[in-house]
Amino acid sequence: MSRFRPLVALVVCLFLCGGCAASRHAAWADRFVKPGTSAVDLGGPKAKAQRASDAGPQKAQPPLGVSRPASLGLSVENSDQRLSAALLLEIIRPSAESHLRVAEEYQRLGILDTSARHLDEALRLSPHFASAHESMARIWRDWGFPERGLGAAYRATVYAPRSASAHNTLGTVFAALGQTDNARRAYERALALSPSAWVLNNLCDLERQAGRLPAAVERCRAALAIDPSLPAAHNNLALTLAAAGDRDGARAEFLAAGDEAAGNYNIGLMHLADGDYRLAADAFETAIHLRPSFTAAKTRAHEMRLYLLTGGK
């Protein structure tokens, strides 16, 4: 049995160290479940971003392989009441606004290609429609091509300069491109226009990933003061407290995020990062008990059981 220990230790080490970011807390935090967040994880800067921002409006083309989720089936237009109502309004009174409403309902359901087509139509009818440009920027961001959404995000702020939402979306696109200074300026502009729990949460996430933990805690607590039920703010606060060494506080915030199974999974990852594999295994098992279909928790629990059975502690 002892001959397997080096191999198991190597597997665990690779799991813990894989995809490391600039700081230790960022490395393991990236693996956490982040419910309900509008902020996009920071990636590396992309050279095409400036070219995208200079380009004029272009018809959105979804990346290869993007399609509606199979689980929704072909009857989503009939089964989802909000989408059905929006489609009916579009038929009765077609306009840029009705196309935007339909696009936002498809976006809510994760059907981004169809949403983009309706946004194209909204912008054909009203080229200066700021909300449609903003929604298009979010689609490109969520598709994983934020550089293509940067121009749309900029146009949204030009056509609606006092829209806190437009500046916040511009901030999330910058954050996705790794342009943290630009993201911070956009978030601060949005906050000056209208105090918002989401903007404060995005600032919290930005500060946490930069390693400015006290500032991140302050921003997250400010977000929760506005909206105590915001799951993303609880989750970001938990990640920040865990990075600062406050494990009890992090545990409470993970569970306060609203999804008990995901909270226990995240608690397991926190213990795993600390090297406490028995507590990690217990947390993963709890997550599976709460949600039997939780595949990631099953994988982690299996890894922990294997490690503990071969002599780990």
Protein backbone atom coordinates (compact mmCIF):
# COMPACT_ATOMS: atom_id res chain seq x y z
CA MET A 1 0.00 0.00 0.00
CA SER A 2 2.80 2.39 0.82
CA ARG A 3 4.08 2.31 -2.74
CA PHE A 4 0.96 4.23 -3.85
CA ARG A 5 1.49 7.10 -1.43
CA PRO A 6 3.91 9.12 -3.58
CA LEU A 7 1.54 8.87 -6.56
CA VAL A 8 -1.47 9.93 -4.53
CA ALA A 9 0.43 12.78 -2.96
CA LEU A 10 1.45 13.94 -6.44
CA VAL A 11 -2.18 13.86 -7.67
CA VAL A 12 -3.33 15.90 -4.68
CA CYS A 13 -0.46 18.34 -5.12
CA LEU A 14 -1.28 18.84 -8.79
CA PHE A 15 -4.93 19.42 -7.90
CA LEU A 16 -4.03 22.02 -5.31
CA CYS A 17 -1.46 23.81 -7.45
CA GLY A 18 -3.04 23.54 -10.89
CA GLY A 19 -3.87 26.86 -12.56
CA CYS A 20 -2.17 28.95 -9.87
CA ALA A 21 -2.68 32.69 -10.19
CA ALA A 22 -0.44 35.45 -8.94
CA SER A 23 -1.29 34.77 -5.32
CA ARG A 24 -2.10 31.69 -3.26
CA HIS A 25 -5.58 32.76 -2.26
CA ALA A 26 -6.49 33.50 -5.90
CA ALA A 27 -5.39 30.01 -6.95
CA TRP A 28 -7.76 28.06 -4.76
CA ALA A 29 -10.49 30.70 -4.81
CA ASP A 30 -10.89 30.27 -8.57
CA ARG A 31 -12.22 26.75 -7.97
CA PHE A 32 -15.12 27.86 -5.81
CA VAL A 33 -18.74 27.85 -6.87
CA LYS A 34 -19.80 31.47 -7.32
CA PRO A 35 -23.60 31.70 -7.36
CA GLY A 36 -25.34 34.62 -8.96
CA THR A 37 -22.37 36.80 -9.71
CA SER A 38 -22.30 39.35 -12.50
CA ALA A 39 -18.60 39.95 -12.26
CA VAL A 40 -16.44 37.99 -14.67
CA ASP A 41 -13.27 36.32 -13.40
CA LEU A 42 -10.18 38.22 -14.39
CA GLY A 43 -8.31 36.84 -17.37
CA GLY A 44 -5.16 37.90 -19.18
CA PRO A 45 -5.17 41.07 -21.31
CA LYS A 46 -5.94 40.55 -24.99
CA ALA A 47 -4.29 42.56 -27.73
CA LYS A 48 -7.43 42.72 -29.88
CA ALA A 49 -9.39 44.68 -27.27
CA GLN A 50 -8.49 48.13 -28.64
CA ARG A 51 -9.38 47.12 -32.18
CA ALA A 52 -12.75 45.86 -30.96
CA SER A 53 -13.46 49.12 -29.13
CA ASP A 54 -12.72 51.15 -32.28
CA ALA A 55 -15.00 49.08 -34.47
CA GLY A 56 -18.52 50.16 -35.27
CA PRO A 57 -21.63 48.08 -34.56
CA GLN A 58 -21.35 44.64 -36.11
CA LYS A 59 -23.92 41.91 -36.36
CA ALA A 60 -23.30 39.41 -33.59
CA GLN A 61 -22.08 36.00 -34.70
CA PRO A 62 -22.01 33.36 -31.97
CA PRO A 63 -18.80 31.38 -31.57
CA LEU A 64 -18.74 27.97 -33.19
CA GLY A 65 -20.59 25.37 -31.17
CA VAL A 66 -22.80 27.84 -29.27
CA SER A 67 -26.41 26.75 -29.19
CA ARG A 68 -29.31 26.61 -26.80
CA PRO A 69 -28.93 24.24 -23.84
CA ALA A 70 -30.23 20.78 -24.68
CA SER A 71 -32.03 20.56 -21.34
CA LEU A 72 -34.36 23.39 -22.36
CA GLY A 73 -35.61 21.52 -25.40
CA LEU A 74 -37.43 23.06 -28.36
CA SER A 75 -40.55 24.01 -26.38
CA VAL A 76 -38.99 26.66 -24.19
CA GLU A 77 -40.94 29.37 -26.02
CA ASN A 78 -44.14 27.69 -24.87
CA SER A 79 -43.05 26.44 -21.46
CA ASP A 80 -41.49 29.63 -20.09
CA GLN A 81 -44.23 32.15 -19.29
CA ARG A 82 -42.00 35.22 -19.24
CA LEU A 83 -40.49 34.40 -22.62
CA SER A 84 -43.92 33.58 -24.09
CA ALA A 85 -45.30 36.93 -22.94
CA ALA A 86 -42.34 38.81 -24.40
CA LEU A 87 -42.68 37.00 -27.74
CA LEU A 88 -46.41 37.75 -27.86
CA LEU A 89 -45.76 41.45 -27.26
CA GLU A 90 -43.15 41.45 -30.01
CA ILE A 91 -45.70 40.00 -32.45
CA ILE A 92 -48.43 42.46 -31.45
CA ARG A 93 -46.23 45.56 -31.24
CA PRO A 94 -42.78 45.00 -32.79
CA SER A 95 -40.21 47.59 -31.74
CA ALA A 96 -36.63 47.91 -30.56
CA GLU A 97 -37.91 47.71 -26.98
CA SER A 98 -39.91 44.53 -27.60
CA HIS A 99 -36.91 42.87 -29.26
CA LEU A 100 -34.75 43.85 -26.28
CA ARG A 101 -37.25 42.31 -23.87
CA VAL A 102 -37.27 39.05 -25.83
CA ALA A 103 -33.46 39.11 -26.00
CA GLU A 104 -33.19 39.54 -22.24
CA GLU A 105 -35.54 36.61 -21.60
CA TYR A 106 -33.48 34.36 -23.88
CA GLN A 107 -30.36 35.62 -22.11
CA ARG A 108 -31.91 34.72 -18.75
CA LEU A 109 -32.41 31.17 -20.04
CA GLY A 110 -28.83 30.95 -21.34
CA ILE A 111 -29.88 30.89 -25.02
CA LEU A 112 -27.38 33.50 -26.09
CA ASP A 113 -27.38 32.96 -29.86
CA THR A 114 -31.12 33.66 -30.16
CA SER A 115 -30.79 36.56 -27.75
CA ALA A 116 -28.08 38.08 -29.95
CA ARG A 117 -30.30 37.83 -33.04
CA HIS A 118 -33.04 39.80 -31.32
CA LEU A 119 -30.50 42.39 -30.18
CA ASP A 120 -29.30 42.73 -33.76
CA GLU A 121 -32.89 43.49 -34.77
CA ALA A 122 -33.33 45.98 -31.91
CA LEU A 123 -30.18 47.82 -32.99
CA ARG A 124 -31.28 47.80 -36.63
CA LEU A 125 -34.46 49.59 -35.56
CA SER A 126 -32.69 51.89 -33.07
CA PRO A 127 -28.89 52.13 -33.59
CA HIS A 128 -28.40 54.33 -30.50
CA PHE A 129 -30.36 52.06 -28.15
CA ALA A 130 -27.98 51.98 -25.18
CA SER A 131 -29.65 49.07 -23.35
CA ALA A 132 -29.36 46.86 -26.43
CA HIS A 133 -25.66 47.70 -26.81
CA GLU A 134 -25.13 46.91 -23.11
CA SER A 135 -26.95 43.59 -23.42
CA MET A 136 -24.86 42.70 -26.48
CA ALA A 137 -21.67 43.46 -24.53
CA ARG A 138 -22.78 41.07 -21.78
CA ILE A 139 -23.42 38.32 -24.34
CA TRP A 140 -19.92 38.58 -25.81
CA ARG A 141 -18.49 38.66 -22.29
CA ASP A 142 -20.44 35.56 -21.28
CA TRP A 143 -19.46 33.79 -24.49
CA GLY A 144 -15.84 34.27 -23.42
CA PHE A 145 -15.00 36.91 -26.04
CA PRO A 146 -15.00 40.14 -24.00
CA GLU A 147 -12.76 41.87 -26.55
CA ARG A 148 -15.65 41.68 -29.02
CA GLY A 149 -18.03 43.18 -26.48
CA LEU A 150 -15.84 46.13 -25.55
CA GLY A 151 -17.08 48.34 -28.39
CA ALA A 152 -20.72 47.64 -27.50
CA ALA A 153 -20.02 48.36 -23.84
CA TYR A 154 -18.41 51.69 -24.72
CA ARG A 155 -21.31 52.63 -26.97
CA ALA A 156 -23.76 51.92 -24.17
CA THR A 157 -21.98 54.45 -21.95
CA VAL A 158 -21.83 57.01 -24.79
CA TYR A 159 -25.54 56.75 -25.55
CA ALA A 160 -26.51 56.59 -21.85
CA PRO A 161 -23.72 58.40 -19.98
CA ARG A 162 -25.67 58.50 -16.71
CA SER A 163 -26.58 54.81 -16.71
CA ALA A 164 -24.94 53.09 -13.73
CA SER A 165 -25.78 49.73 -15.30
CA ALA A 166 -23.94 50.56 -18.52
CA HIS A 167 -20.79 51.65 -16.65
CA ASN A 168 -20.97 48.52 -14.48
CA THR A 169 -21.19 46.31 -17.57
CA LEU A 170 -18.22 48.15 -19.08
CA GLY A 171 -16.36 47.38 -15.84
CA THR A 172 -17.12 43.68 -16.07
CA VAL A 173 -15.85 43.58 -19.66
CA PHE A 174 -12.63 45.32 -18.61
CA ALA A 175 -12.31 42.86 -15.71
CA ALA A 176 -12.70 39.93 -18.09
CA LEU A 177 -9.88 41.39 -20.17
CA GLY A 178 -7.63 41.73 -17.13
CA GLN A 179 -7.69 45.53 -17.31
CA THR A 180 -8.22 46.01 -13.60
CA ASP A 181 -7.52 49.75 -13.44
CA ASN A 182 -10.05 50.45 -16.18
CA ALA A 183 -12.52 48.10 -14.51
CA ARG A 184 -12.14 49.92 -11.19
CA ARG A 185 -12.71 53.31 -12.83
CA ALA A 186 -15.85 52.05 -14.56
CA TYR A 187 -17.20 50.55 -11.31
CA GLU A 188 -16.46 53.74 -9.38
CA ARG A 189 -18.29 55.76 -12.04
CA ALA A 190 -21.28 53.43 -11.77
CA LEU A 191 -21.22 53.72 -7.99
CA ALA A 192 -21.15 57.52 -8.18
CA LEU A 193 -24.21 57.47 -10.41
CA SER A 194 -26.23 55.07 -8.25
CA PRO A 195 -25.24 53.07 -5.13
CA SER A 196 -25.72 49.43 -6.06
CA ALA A 197 -25.10 46.15 -4.28
CA TRP A 198 -23.96 44.56 -7.55
CA VAL A 199 -21.40 47.28 -8.28
CA LEU A 200 -20.05 47.07 -4.73
CA ASN A 201 -19.85 43.28 -5.07
CA ASN A 202 -17.92 43.65 -8.31
CA LEU A 203 -15.51 46.04 -6.61
CA CYS A 204 -15.16 43.54 -3.76
CA ASP A 205 -14.27 40.82 -6.26
CA LEU A 206 -11.74 43.09 -7.95
CA GLU A 207 -10.06 44.02 -4.66
CA ARG A 208 -9.98 40.38 -3.50
CA GLN A 209 -8.30 39.19 -6.67
CA ALA A 210 -5.76 42.00 -6.34
CA GLY A 211 -4.98 40.85 -2.78
CA ARG A 212 -6.36 44.00 -1.11
CA LEU A 213 -8.35 42.03 1.43
CA PRO A 214 -9.42 44.78 3.90
CA ALA A 215 -10.76 46.85 1.00
CA ALA A 216 -12.54 43.78 -0.37
CA VAL A 217 -14.20 43.07 2.99
CA GLU A 218 -15.35 46.70 3.20
CA ARG A 219 -16.87 46.59 -0.29
CA CYS A 220 -18.62 43.26 0.26
CA ARG A 221 -20.10 44.36 3.58
CA ALA A 222 -21.30 47.57 1.94
CA ALA A 223 -22.99 45.49 -0.78
CA LEU A 224 -24.71 43.32 1.83
CA ALA A 225 -25.86 46.42 3.72
CA ILE A 226 -27.83 47.34 0.58
CA ASP A 227 -28.97 43.81 -0.30
CA PRO A 228 -28.48 41.31 2.56
CA SER A 229 -29.68 38.44 0.37
CA LEU A 230 -27.23 38.91 -2.53
CA PRO A 231 -25.59 35.47 -2.95
CA ALA A 232 -22.58 36.75 -4.90
CA ALA A 233 -21.65 39.21 -2.15
CA HIS A 234 -21.86 36.52 0.54
CA ASN A 235 -19.71 34.26 -1.61
CA ASN A 236 -17.12 36.93 -2.36
CA LEU A 237 -16.99 37.90 1.31
CA ALA A 238 -16.46 34.24 2.22
CA LEU A 239 -13.57 33.96 -0.25
CA THR A 240 -12.04 37.14 1.14
CA LEU A 241 -12.35 36.03 4.76
CA ALA A 242 -10.88 32.63 3.90
CA ALA A 243 -7.93 34.32 2.18
CA ALA A 244 -7.45 36.45 5.31
CA GLY A 245 -7.42 33.34 7.53
CA ASP A 246 -10.89 33.77 9.08
CA ARG A 247 -12.18 30.25 8.46
CA ASP A 248 -15.21 30.52 10.78
CA GLY A 249 -16.33 33.74 9.13
CA ALA A 250 -15.82 32.24 5.68
CA ARG A 251 -17.85 29.17 6.58
CA ALA A 252 -20.77 31.31 7.79
CA GLU A 253 -20.73 33.40 4.62
CA PHE A 254 -20.53 30.39 2.30
CA LEU A 255 -23.65 28.98 3.93
CA ALA A 256 -25.38 32.39 3.92
CA ALA A 257 -25.03 32.52 0.12
CA GLY A 258 -28.26 30.54 -0.09
CA ASP A 259 -27.21 27.23 -1.66
CA GLU A 260 -26.32 24.88 1.19
CA ALA A 261 -24.87 22.20 -1.08
CA ALA A 262 -22.62 24.68 -2.89
CA GLY A 263 -21.70 26.23 0.46
CA ASN A 264 -20.50 22.92 1.85
CA TYR A 265 -18.61 22.19 -1.36
CA ASN A 266 -16.82 25.53 -1.05
CA ILE A 267 -16.10 24.82 2.62
CA GLY A 268 -14.56 21.53 1.51
CA LEU A 269 -12.31 23.34 -0.95
CA MET A 270 -11.27 25.74 1.79
CA HIS A 271 -10.25 22.82 4.04
CA LEU A 272 -8.54 21.18 1.08
CA ALA A 273 -6.45 24.30 0.48
CA ASP A 274 -5.50 24.20 4.18
CA GLY A 275 -4.39 20.57 3.87
CA ASP A 276 -7.11 19.31 6.24
CA TYR A 277 -8.29 16.45 4.04
CA ARG A 278 -10.55 14.77 6.60
CA LEU A 279 -12.61 17.92 7.14
CA ALA A 280 -12.62 18.47 3.38
CA ALA A 281 -13.98 14.95 2.84
CA ASP A 282 -16.72 15.53 5.42
CA ALA A 283 -17.80 18.76 3.73
CA PHE A 284 -17.88 17.16 0.27
CA GLU A 285 -19.94 14.26 1.64
CA THR A 286 -22.40 16.75 3.16
CA ALA A 287 -22.71 18.49 -0.20
CA ILE A 288 -23.50 15.15 -1.88
CA HIS A 289 -26.10 14.34 0.79
CA LEU A 290 -27.80 17.68 0.13
CA ARG A 291 -27.56 17.33 -3.66
CA PRO A 292 -27.04 13.72 -4.81
CA SER A 293 -26.38 14.82 -8.40
CA PHE A 294 -23.49 17.13 -7.42
CA THR A 295 -20.82 15.69 -9.73
CA ALA A 296 -17.96 17.96 -8.65
CA ALA A 297 -18.57 17.12 -4.98
CA LYS A 298 -18.58 13.40 -5.83
CA THR A 299 -15.25 13.75 -7.62
CA ARG A 300 -13.64 15.61 -4.72
CA ALA A 301 -15.08 13.22 -2.13
CA HIS A 302 -13.68 10.25 -4.08
CA GLU A 303 -10.25 11.90 -4.21
CA MET A 304 -10.33 12.53 -0.47
CA ARG A 305 -11.45 8.99 0.35
CA LEU A 306 -8.67 7.57 -1.83
CA TYR A 307 -6.08 9.78 -0.18
CA LEU A 308 -7.24 8.98 3.35
CA LEU A 309 -7.41 5.25 2.63
CA THR A 310 -3.78 5.28 1.47
CA GLY A 311 -2.55 6.83 4.68
CA GLY A 312 -3.25 10.56 4.30
CA LYS A 313 -4.35 12.62 7.28
